[in-house]
PDB file of N, CA and C in Angstrom:
ATOM      1  N   MET A   1      -3.453 -17.431 206.172  1.00  0.00           N
ATOM      2  CA  MET A   1      -3.380 -16.258 206.617  1.00  0.00           C
ATOM      3  C   MET A   1      -4.644 -15.738 206.730  1.00  0.00           C
ATOM      4  N   ARG A   2      -5.312 -14.852 207.652  1.00  0.00           N
ATOM      5  CA  ARG A   2      -6.286 -14.251 208.171  1.00  0.00           C
ATOM      6  C   ARG A   2      -6.288 -13.186 206.900  1.00  0.00           C
ATOM      7  N   ALA A   3      -7.426 -12.893 206.816  1.00  0.00           N
ATOM      8  CA  ALA A   3      -8.200 -11.774 205.310  1.00  0.00           C
ATOM      9  C   ALA A   3      -7.493 -10.482 206.393  1.00  0.00           C
ATOM     10  N   ALA A   4      -7.701 -10.065 207.247  1.00  0.00           N
ATOM     11  CA  ALA A   4      -6.914  -8.709 207.543  1.00  0.00           C
ATOM     12  C   ALA A   4      -5.186  -8.487 207.703  1.00  0.00           C
ATOM     13  N   ALA A   5      -5.103  -9.646 207.406  1.00  0.00           N
ATOM     14  CA  ALA A   5      -3.285  -9.739 207.335  1.00  0.00           C
ATOM     15  C   ALA A   5      -3.055  -9.177 205.982  1.00  0.00           C
ATOM     16  N   LEU A   6      -4.077 -10.499 205.375  1.00  0.00           N
ATOM     17  CA  LEU A   6      -3.859 -10.353 203.655  1.00  0.00           C
ATOM     18  C   LEU A   6      -4.111  -8.899 203.318  1.00  0.00           C
ATOM     19  N   GLY A   7      -5.024  -8.389 203.643  1.00  0.00           N
ATOM     20  CA  GLY A   7      -5.452  -6.944 203.285  1.00  0.00           C
ATOM     21  C   GLY A   7      -4.489  -5.815 203.630  1.00  0.00           C
ATOM     22  N   LEU A   8      -3.899  -6.025 204.670  1.00  0.00           N
ATOM     23  CA  LEU A   8      -3.014  -5.264 205.121  1.00  0.00           C
ATOM     24  C   LEU A   8      -1.209  -5.042 204.336  1.00  0.00           C
ATOM     25  N   ILE A   9      -0.836  -6.562 204.045  1.00  0.00           N
ATOM     26  CA  ILE A   9       0.180  -6.466 203.064  1.00  0.00           C
ATOM     27  C   ILE A   9      -0.224  -5.986 201.349  1.00  0.00           C
ATOM     28  N   THR A  10      -1.835  -6.277 201.196  1.00  0.00           N
ATOM     29  CA  THR A  10      -1.777  -6.093 199.585  1.00  0.00           C
ATOM     30  C   THR A  10      -2.042  -4.152 200.162  1.00  0.00           C
ATOM     31  N   GLY A  11      -2.385  -3.795 200.546  1.00  0.00           N
ATOM     32  CA  GLY A  11      -2.499  -2.114 200.796  1.00  0.00           C
ATOM     33  C   GLY A  11      -1.155  -1.553 201.012  1.00  0.00           C
ATOM     34  N   LEU A  12      -0.145  -2.552 201.915  1.00  0.00           N
ATOM     35  CA  LEU A  12       1.040  -1.788 201.833  1.00  0.00           C
ATOM     36  C   LEU A  12       2.181  -1.904 200.397  1.00  0.00           C
ATOM     37  N   ILE A  13       1.850  -2.986 199.490  1.00  0.00           N
ATOM     38  CA  ILE A  13       2.158  -2.980 198.530  1.00  0.00           C
ATOM     39  C   ILE A  13       1.620  -2.461 197.370  1.00  0.00           C
ATOM     40  N   ALA A  14       0.562  -2.027 197.468  1.00  0.00           N
ATOM     41  CA  ALA A  14      -0.058  -0.757 196.221  1.00  0.00           C
ATOM     42  C   ALA A  14       0.480   0.114 196.918  1.00  0.00           C
ATOM     43  N   GLY A  15       0.176   1.191 198.334  1.00  0.00           N
ATOM     44  CA  GLY A  15       0.746   2.215 198.869  1.00  0.00           C
ATOM     45  C   GLY A  15       2.324   2.257 198.219  1.00  0.00           C
ATOM     46  N   LEU A  16       3.277   1.242 198.130  1.00  0.00           N
ATOM     47  CA  LEU A  16       4.361   1.641 197.473  1.00  0.00           C
ATOM     48  C   LEU A  16       4.509   1.571 195.976  1.00  0.00           C
ATOM     49  N   ALA A  17       3.596   1.102 195.145  1.00  0.00           N
ATOM     50  CA  ALA A  17       3.540   0.861 193.945  1.00  0.00           C
ATOM     51  C   ALA A  17       3.265   2.469 193.696  1.00  0.00           C
ATOM     52  N   LEU A  18       2.181   3.123 194.391  1.00  0.00           N
ATOM     53  CA  LEU A  18       2.012   4.464 194.269  1.00  0.00           C
ATOM     54  C   LEU A  18       2.918   5.640 194.562  1.00  0.00           C
ATOM     55  N   ALA A  19       3.410   5.256 195.481  1.00  0.00           N
ATOM     56  CA  ALA A  19       4.700   6.144 196.286  1.00  0.00           C
ATOM     57  C   ALA A  19       5.642   6.021 195.073  1.00  0.00           C
ATOM     58  N   PHE A  20       6.258   5.024 194.350  1.00  0.00           N
ATOM     59  CA  PHE A  20       7.729   5.277 193.988  1.00  0.00           C
ATOM     60  C   PHE A  20       7.208   4.900 192.485  1.00  0.00           C
ATOM     61  N   GLY A  21       6.104   4.517 192.077  1.00  0.00           N
ATOM     62  CA  GLY A  21       5.991   4.475 190.456  1.00  0.00           C
ATOM     63  C   GLY A  21       5.160   5.558 190.162  1.00  0.00           C
ATOM     64  N   GLY A  22       3.690   5.693 190.500  1.00  0.00           N
ATOM     65  CA  GLY A  22       2.746   6.474 189.645  1.00  0.00           C
ATOM     66  C   GLY A  22       1.540   5.959 189.651  1.00  0.00           C
ATOM     67  N   PHE A  23       0.465   6.669 189.206  1.00  0.00           N
ATOM     68  CA  PHE A  23      -0.814   6.324 189.043  1.00  0.00           C
ATOM     69  C   PHE A  23      -1.011   4.881 188.195  1.00  0.00           C
ATOM     70  N   SER A  24      -0.458   5.030 186.904  1.00  0.00           N
ATOM     71  CA  SER A  24      -0.457   3.734 186.501  1.00  0.00           C
ATOM     72  C   SER A  24       0.226   2.175 186.995  1.00  0.00           C
ATOM     73  N   GLU A  25       0.929   2.384 187.583  1.00  0.00           N
ATOM     74  CA  GLU A  25       1.851   1.357 188.072  1.00  0.00           C
ATOM     75  C   GLU A  25       0.843   0.944 189.385  1.00  0.00           C
ATOM     76  N   PHE A  26       0.370   2.044 189.880  1.00  0.00           N
ATOM     77  CA  PHE A  26      -0.638   1.359 191.102  1.00  0.00           C
ATOM     78  C   PHE A  26      -1.706   0.901 190.639  1.00  0.00           C
ATOM     79  N   LEU A  27      -2.425   1.178 189.292  1.00  0.00           N
ATOM     80  CA  LEU A  27      -3.372   0.702 188.774  1.00  0.00           C
ATOM     81  C   LEU A  27      -3.205  -0.884 188.228  1.00  0.00           C
ATOM     82  N   ILE A  28      -1.945  -1.106 187.938  1.00  0.00           N
ATOM     83  CA  ILE A  28      -1.400  -2.591 187.593  1.00  0.00           C
ATOM     84  C   ILE A  28      -0.982  -3.171 188.687  1.00  0.00           C
ATOM     85  N   VAL A  29      -0.777  -2.950 190.042  1.00  0.00           N
ATOM     86  CA  VAL A  29      -0.695  -3.504 191.007  1.00  0.00           C
ATOM     87  C   VAL A  29      -2.018  -3.943 191.629  1.00  0.00           C
ATOM     88  N   LEU A  30      -3.370  -2.887 191.516  1.00  0.00           N
ATOM     89  CA  LEU A  30      -4.545  -3.207 191.980  1.00  0.00           C
ATOM     90  C   LEU A  30      -4.849  -4.297 190.992  1.00  0.00           C
ATOM     91  N   VAL A  31      -4.659  -4.327 189.801  1.00  0.00           N
ATOM     92  CA  VAL A  31      -5.425  -5.463 188.944  1.00  0.00           C
ATOM     93  C   VAL A  31      -4.978  -6.502 188.971  1.00  0.00           C
ATOM     94  N   PHE A  32      -3.717  -6.893 189.083  1.00  0.00           N
ATOM     95  CA  PHE A  32      -3.008  -7.995 189.592  1.00  0.00           C
ATOM     96  C   PHE A  32      -3.400  -8.325 190.894  1.00  0.00           C
ATOM     97  N   GLY A  33      -3.550  -7.899 191.886  1.00  0.00           N
ATOM     98  CA  GLY A  33      -4.076  -8.011 193.195  1.00  0.00           C
ATOM     99  C   GLY A  33      -5.469  -8.860 193.333  1.00  0.00           C
ATOM    100  N   ALA A  34      -6.369  -7.909 192.565  1.00  0.00           N
ATOM    101  CA  ALA A  34      -7.569  -8.718 192.431  1.00  0.00           C
ATOM    102  C   ALA A  34      -7.401 -10.014 191.777  1.00  0.00           C
ATOM    103  N   VAL A  35      -6.604 -10.124 190.765  1.00  0.00           N
ATOM    104  CA  VAL A  35      -6.558 -11.688 189.826  1.00  0.00           C
ATOM    105  C   VAL A  35      -6.067 -12.491 190.929  1.00  0.00           C
ATOM    106  N   GLY A  36      -5.289 -12.309 191.822  1.00  0.00           N
ATOM    107  CA  GLY A  36      -4.700 -12.887 192.682  1.00  0.00           C
ATOM    108  C   GLY A  36      -5.478 -13.352 193.724  1.00  0.00           C
ATOM    109  N   LEU A  37      -6.301 -12.412 194.280  1.00  0.00           N
ATOM    110  CA  LEU A  37      -7.399 -12.706 195.354  1.00  0.00           C
ATOM    111  C   LEU A  37      -8.382 -13.834 194.847  1.00  0.00           C
ATOM    112  N   VAL A  38      -9.057 -13.526 193.210  1.00  0.00           N
ATOM    113  CA  VAL A  38      -9.841 -14.494 192.958  1.00  0.00           C
ATOM    114  C   VAL A  38      -9.317 -15.959 192.777  1.00  0.00           C
ATOM    115  N   VAL A  39      -7.891 -16.060 192.371  1.00  0.00           N
ATOM    116  CA  VAL A  39      -7.400 -17.296 192.130  1.00  0.00           C
ATOM    117  C   VAL A  39      -7.011 -17.774 193.294  1.00  0.00           C
ATOM    118  N   GLY A  40      -7.145 -16.774 194.583  1.00  0.00           N
ATOM    119  CA  GLY A  40      -6.861 -17.577 195.863  1.00  0.00           C
ATOM    120  C   GLY A  40      -7.957 -18.188 196.250  1.00  0.00           C
ATOM    121  N   LYS A  41      -8.955 -17.297 195.979  1.00  0.00           N
ATOM    122  CA  LYS A  41     -10.406 -17.592 196.777  1.00  0.00           C
ATOM    123  C   LYS A  41     -10.867 -19.148 195.926  1.00  0.00           C
ATOM    124  N   VAL A  42     -10.559 -19.552 194.437  1.00  0.00           N
ATOM    125  CA  VAL A  42     -10.808 -20.536 194.016  1.00  0.00           C
ATOM    126  C   VAL A  42      -9.954 -21.851 194.891  1.00  0.00           C
ATOM    127  N   VAL A  43      -8.666 -21.802 194.420  1.00  0.00           N
ATOM    128  CA  VAL A  43      -7.569 -22.585 194.969  1.00  0.00           C
ATOM    129  C   VAL A  43      -8.290 -23.109 196.542  1.00  0.00           C
ATOM    130  N   ASP A  44      -8.816 -22.024 197.496  1.00  0.00           N
ATOM    131  CA  ASP A  44      -9.125 -22.101 198.942  1.00  0.00           C
ATOM    132  C   ASP A  44     -10.663 -23.038 198.874  1.00  0.00           C
ATOM    133  N   GLY A  45     -11.370 -22.950 197.486  1.00  0.00           N
ATOM    134  CA  GLY A  45     -12.302 -23.871 197.191  1.00  0.00           C
ATOM    135  C   GLY A  45     -13.565 -22.561 197.935  1.00  0.00           C
ATOM    136  N   ASP A  46     -13.267 -21.236 198.065  1.00  0.00           N
ATOM    137  CA  ASP A  46     -14.400 -20.165 198.648  1.00  0.00           C
ATOM    138  C   ASP A  46     -15.091 -19.887 197.376  1.00  0.00           C
ATOM    139  N   LEU A  47     -14.882 -20.067 195.956  1.00  0.00           N
ATOM    140  CA  LEU A  47     -15.314 -19.488 194.608  1.00  0.00           C
ATOM    141  C   LEU A  47     -15.712 -20.430 193.762  1.00  0.00           C
ATOM    142  N   ASP A  48     -16.583 -20.985 193.513  1.00  0.00           N
ATOM    143  CA  ASP A  48     -16.926 -21.723 192.704  1.00  0.00           C
ATOM    144  C   ASP A  48     -17.558 -21.102 190.957  1.00  0.00           C
ATOM    145  N   ILE A  49     -16.364 -21.473 190.459  1.00  0.00           N
ATOM    146  CA  ILE A  49     -16.446 -20.766 188.587  1.00  0.00           C
ATOM    147  C   ILE A  49     -16.442 -21.997 187.805  1.00  0.00           C
ATOM    148  N   THR A  50     -16.940 -22.776 188.166  1.00  0.00           N
ATOM    149  CA  THR A  50     -17.191 -24.053 187.048  1.00  0.00           C
ATOM    150  C   THR A  50     -18.547 -23.484 186.121  1.00  0.00           C
ATOM    151  N   ARG A  51     -19.443 -22.867 186.410  1.00  0.00           N
ATOM    152  CA  ARG A  51     -20.385 -22.310 185.669  1.00  0.00           C
ATOM    153  C   ARG A  51     -19.838 -21.301 184.560  1.00  0.00           C
ATOM    154  N   TYR A  52     -18.735 -20.512 184.696  1.00  0.00           N
ATOM    155  CA  TYR A  52     -18.109 -19.664 184.104  1.00  0.00           C
ATOM    156  C   TYR A  52     -17.001 -20.095 183.265  1.00  0.00           C
ATOM    157  N   VAL A  53     -16.797 -21.215 183.415  1.00  0.00           N
ATOM    158  CA  VAL A  53     -15.273 -21.811 182.608  1.00  0.00           C
ATOM    159  C   VAL A  53     -15.616 -23.275 181.786  1.00  0.00           C
ATOM    160  N   GLY A  54     -17.082 -23.787 182.220  1.00  0.00           N
ATOM    161  CA  GLY A  54     -17.628 -24.753 181.259  1.00  0.00           C
ATOM    162  C   GLY A  54     -16.903 -25.942 181.983  1.00  0.00           C
ATOM    163  N   GLY A  55     -16.827 -25.844 183.320  1.00  0.00           N
ATOM    164  CA  GLY A  55     -16.730 -27.305 184.581  1.00  0.00           C
ATOM    165  C   GLY A  55     -17.499 -28.496 184.512  1.00  0.00           C
ATOM    166  N   ASP A  56     -19.200 -28.023 183.938  1.00  0.00           N
ATOM    167  CA  ASP A  56     -20.177 -28.902 184.145  1.00  0.00           C
ATOM    168  C   ASP A  56     -20.159 -29.849 183.002  1.00  0.00           C
ATOM    169  N   ARG A  57     -19.394 -31.358 183.222  1.00  0.00           N
ATOM    170  CA  ARG A  57     -18.986 -32.056 182.128  1.00  0.00           C
ATOM    171  C   ARG A  57     -20.078 -33.073 181.960  1.00  0.00           C
ATOM    172  N   ARG A  58     -21.086 -33.349 183.136  1.00  0.00           N
ATOM    173  CA  ARG A  58     -22.027 -34.310 182.980  1.00  0.00           C
ATOM    174  C   ARG A  58     -23.202 -33.913 181.990  1.00  0.00           C
ATOM    175  N   ARG A  59     -23.547 -32.938 181.095  1.00  0.00           N
ATOM    176  CA  ARG A  59     -24.398 -32.695 180.190  1.00  0.00           C
ATOM    177  C   ARG A  59     -23.445 -32.926 178.648  1.00  0.00           C
ATOM    178  N   SER A  60     -24.494 -34.009 178.102  1.00  0.00           N
ATOM    179  CA  SER A  60     -23.927 -34.358 176.757  1.00  0.00           C
ATOM    180  C   SER A  60     -23.798 -33.317 175.396  1.00  0.00           C
ATOM    181  N   ARG A  61     -22.935 -33.452 174.826  1.00  0.00           N
ATOM    182  CA  ARG A  61     -23.006 -32.504 173.871  1.00  0.00           C
ATOM    183  C   ARG A  61     -22.949 -32.982 172.533  1.00  0.00           C
ATOM    184  N   ARG A  62     -24.286 -33.812 172.319  1.00  0.00           N
ATOM    185  CA  ARG A  62     -24.500 -34.801 170.820  1.00  0.00           C
ATOM    186  C   ARG A  62     -24.834 -34.009 170.039  1.00  0.00           C
TER     187      ARG A  62
END
């Protein structure tokens, strides 16, 4: 899916959360959207987080 279409869908969902829920629900949707974006980028290979999660197993820990 293209980034523009994904951004459109995310914006529509966030707008619905704000319209029907309130500001706190909007913030919750925004946070979960950001987490989903990061997870999607990691799965696609666009973001490398091995430095942050200790994925470099080549170093010996003796």
